[in-house]
């Protein structure tokens, strides 16, 4: 399995990598822009990610916007295969629920 961990906070990113590395190859991104570049490169190389863990609240490009753009990239390359799991420490139900919009994430945690 191949994982993309998108998290702006170092400790959270490291913890997720530690957990997931037992199950497959992990790539990390510190922000949404970096994640989109890595995600598109994997699609182009026909080595897409099995799972993307995506922080909801990040500076500049939040997780909601990144999820939508990832789905657009999958559509562009005709290869929708990655599961997107929104990850957050937030407790705001409205923001968390909006992560499940059509074309966005597959789950939240």
C-alpha atoms as a PDB file:
ATOM      1  CA  UNK A   1       0.000   0.000   0.000  1.00  0.00           C
ATOM      2  CA  UNK A   2       1.047   3.562  -0.626  1.00  0.00           C
ATOM      3  CA  UNK A   3       0.090   6.451   1.677  1.00  0.00           C
ATOM      4  CA  UNK A   4       0.212  10.241   1.344  1.00  0.00           C
ATOM      5  CA  UNK A   5       0.112  12.064   4.683  1.00  0.00           C
ATOM      6  CA  UNK A   6      -0.787  15.749   4.371  1.00  0.00           C
ATOM      7  CA  UNK A   7      -0.346  17.574   7.658  1.00  0.00           C
ATOM      8  CA  UNK A   8       1.167  20.969   8.452  1.00  0.00           C
ATOM      9  CA  UNK A   9       2.050  20.112  12.052  1.00  0.00           C
ATOM     10  CA  UNK A  10       5.268  18.115  12.433  1.00  0.00           C
ATOM     11  CA  UNK A  11       4.207  16.021  15.449  1.00  0.00           C
ATOM     12  CA  UNK A  12       0.893  14.937  13.886  1.00  0.00           C
ATOM     13  CA  UNK A  13       2.619  14.197  10.581  1.00  0.00           C
ATOM     14  CA  UNK A  14       5.279  12.098  12.327  1.00  0.00           C
ATOM     15  CA  UNK A  15       2.711  10.169  14.387  1.00  0.00           C
ATOM     16  CA  UNK A  16       0.643   9.309  11.311  1.00  0.00           C
ATOM     17  CA  UNK A  17       3.777   8.242   9.457  1.00  0.00           C
ATOM     18  CA  UNK A  18       4.798   6.047  12.383  1.00  0.00           C
ATOM     19  CA  UNK A  19       1.419   4.325  12.439  1.00  0.00           C
ATOM     20  CA  UNK A  20       1.033   3.845   8.679  1.00  0.00           C
ATOM     21  CA  UNK A  21       4.629   2.897   7.859  1.00  0.00           C
ATOM     22  CA  UNK A  22       3.996  -0.599   9.265  1.00  0.00           C
ATOM     23  CA  UNK A  23       1.458  -1.132   6.479  1.00  0.00           C
ATOM     24  CA  UNK A  24       3.128   0.440   3.449  1.00  0.00           C
ATOM     25  CA  UNK A  25       5.210   3.176   1.872  1.00  0.00           C
ATOM     26  CA  UNK A  26       4.600   6.664   3.277  1.00  0.00           C
ATOM     27  CA  UNK A  27       5.112  10.019   1.597  1.00  0.00           C
ATOM     28  CA  UNK A  28       4.506  13.225   3.537  1.00  0.00           C
ATOM     29  CA  UNK A  29       3.524  16.735   2.508  1.00  0.00           C
ATOM     30  CA  UNK A  30       3.581  19.809   4.740  1.00  0.00           C
ATOM     31  CA  UNK A  31       0.842  21.720   2.907  1.00  0.00           C
ATOM     32  CA  UNK A  32      -1.863  21.410   0.289  1.00  0.00           C
ATOM     33  CA  UNK A  33       0.187  22.754  -2.605  1.00  0.00           C
ATOM     34  CA  UNK A  34       2.987  20.260  -1.976  1.00  0.00           C
ATOM     35  CA  UNK A  35       0.434  17.457  -1.634  1.00  0.00           C
ATOM     36  CA  UNK A  36      -1.154  18.253  -5.000  1.00  0.00           C
ATOM     37  CA  UNK A  37       2.224  18.133  -6.756  1.00  0.00           C
ATOM     38  CA  UNK A  38       3.087  14.764  -5.195  1.00  0.00           C
ATOM     39  CA  UNK A  39      -0.406  13.413  -5.845  1.00  0.00           C
ATOM     40  CA  UNK A  40      -0.362  14.402  -9.524  1.00  0.00           C
ATOM     41  CA  UNK A  41       3.143  12.987 -10.005  1.00  0.00           C
ATOM     42  CA  UNK A  42       1.972   9.632  -8.631  1.00  0.00           C
ATOM     43  CA  UNK A  43      -0.970   9.634 -11.052  1.00  0.00           C
ATOM     44  CA  UNK A  44       1.307  10.456 -13.983  1.00  0.00           C
ATOM     45  CA  UNK A  45       3.668   7.621 -13.026  1.00  0.00           C
ATOM     46  CA  UNK A  46       0.697   5.232 -12.672  1.00  0.00           C
ATOM     47  CA  UNK A  47       1.617   4.660  -9.014  1.00  0.00           C
ATOM     48  CA  UNK A  48      -1.316   6.348  -7.259  1.00  0.00           C
ATOM     49  CA  UNK A  49      -1.728   6.492  -3.511  1.00  0.00           C
ATOM     50  CA  UNK A  50      -3.964   3.914  -1.841  1.00  0.00           C
ATOM     51  CA  UNK A  51      -4.863   6.321   0.958  1.00  0.00           C
ATOM     52  CA  UNK A  52      -4.453  10.054   1.510  1.00  0.00           C
ATOM     53  CA  UNK A  53      -4.758  11.346   5.076  1.00  0.00           C
ATOM     54  CA  UNK A  54      -5.611  15.007   4.743  1.00  0.00           C
ATOM     55  CA  UNK A  55      -5.649  17.595   7.507  1.00  0.00           C
ATOM     56  CA  UNK A  56      -8.727  19.830   7.260  1.00  0.00           C
ATOM     57  CA  UNK A  57      -7.189  22.994   8.680  1.00  0.00           C
ATOM     58  CA  UNK A  58      -3.987  24.077   6.943  1.00  0.00           C
ATOM     59  CA  UNK A  59      -2.727  27.526   5.960  1.00  0.00           C
ATOM     60  CA  UNK A  60      -3.184  28.813   2.393  1.00  0.00           C
ATOM     61  CA  UNK A  61      -4.981  25.770   0.940  1.00  0.00           C
ATOM     62  CA  UNK A  62      -7.216  23.891   3.395  1.00  0.00           C
ATOM     63  CA  UNK A  63      -8.024  20.198   3.273  1.00  0.00           C
ATOM     64  CA  UNK A  64     -11.452  20.742   1.720  1.00  0.00           C
ATOM     65  CA  UNK A  65      -9.946  22.524  -1.285  1.00  0.00           C
ATOM     66  CA  UNK A  66      -7.156  19.964  -1.612  1.00  0.00           C
ATOM     67  CA  UNK A  67      -9.628  17.047  -1.620  1.00  0.00           C
ATOM     68  CA  UNK A  68     -11.665  18.660  -4.397  1.00  0.00           C
ATOM     69  CA  UNK A  69      -8.542  19.319  -6.476  1.00  0.00           C
ATOM     70  CA  UNK A  70      -7.311  15.753  -5.939  1.00  0.00           C
ATOM     71  CA  UNK A  71     -10.631  14.438  -7.249  1.00  0.00           C
ATOM     72  CA  UNK A  72     -10.313  16.773 -10.252  1.00  0.00           C
ATOM     73  CA  UNK A  73      -6.828  15.404 -10.958  1.00  0.00           C
ATOM     74  CA  UNK A  74      -8.143  11.847 -10.775  1.00  0.00           C
ATOM     75  CA  UNK A  75     -10.869  12.790 -13.241  1.00  0.00           C
ATOM     76  CA  UNK A  76      -8.339  14.460 -15.537  1.00  0.00           C
ATOM     77  CA  UNK A  77      -6.162  11.344 -15.619  1.00  0.00           C
ATOM     78  CA  UNK A  78      -9.189   8.999 -15.616  1.00  0.00           C
ATOM     79  CA  UNK A  79      -7.876   7.158 -12.576  1.00  0.00           C
ATOM     80  CA  UNK A  80      -9.935   7.472  -9.378  1.00  0.00           C
ATOM     81  CA  UNK A  81      -8.488   5.035  -6.920  1.00  0.00           C
ATOM     82  CA  UNK A  82      -7.279   6.897  -3.827  1.00  0.00           C
ATOM     83  CA  UNK A  83      -9.300   6.925  -0.651  1.00  0.00           C
ATOM     84  CA  UNK A  84      -9.185  10.274   1.141  1.00  0.00           C
ATOM     85  CA  UNK A  85      -9.482  10.335   4.913  1.00  0.00           C
ATOM     86  CA  UNK A  86      -9.897  13.770   6.470  1.00  0.00           C
ATOM     87  CA  UNK A  87      -7.996  14.043   9.739  1.00  0.00           C
ATOM     88  CA  UNK A  88      -8.485  16.817  12.265  1.00  0.00           C
ATOM     89  CA  UNK A  89      -8.274  17.762  15.888  1.00  0.00           C
ATOM     90  CA  UNK A  90     -11.202  20.153  15.373  1.00  0.00           C
ATOM     91  CA  UNK A  91     -14.523  19.621  17.140  1.00  0.00           C
ATOM     92  CA  UNK A  92     -16.641  21.902  14.921  1.00  0.00           C
ATOM     93  CA  UNK A  93     -19.291  19.573  13.446  1.00  0.00           C
ATOM     94  CA  UNK A  94     -20.109  21.914  10.538  1.00  0.00           C
ATOM     95  CA  UNK A  95     -16.501  22.035   9.314  1.00  0.00           C
ATOM     96  CA  UNK A  96     -15.967  18.307   9.795  1.00  0.00           C
ATOM     97  CA  UNK A  97     -19.235  17.365   8.066  1.00  0.00           C
ATOM     98  CA  UNK A  98     -18.431  19.568   5.078  1.00  0.00           C
ATOM     99  CA  UNK A  99     -15.371  17.358   4.438  1.00  0.00           C
ATOM    100  CA  UNK A 100     -17.783  14.707   3.199  1.00  0.00           C
ATOM    101  CA  UNK A 101     -19.115  16.773   0.278  1.00  0.00           C
ATOM    102  CA  UNK A 102     -19.578  15.044  -3.086  1.00  0.00           C
ATOM    103  CA  UNK A 103     -16.256  14.596  -4.828  1.00  0.00           C
ATOM    104  CA  UNK A 104     -14.351  15.102  -1.593  1.00  0.00           C
ATOM    105  CA  UNK A 105     -13.322  12.701   1.105  1.00  0.00           C
ATOM    106  CA  UNK A 106     -14.295   9.077   1.657  1.00  0.00           C
ATOM    107  CA  UNK A 107     -14.123   9.272   5.438  1.00  0.00           C
ATOM    108  CA  UNK A 108     -13.108  11.331   8.429  1.00  0.00           C
ATOM    109  CA  UNK A 109     -11.278  10.635  11.646  1.00  0.00           C
END
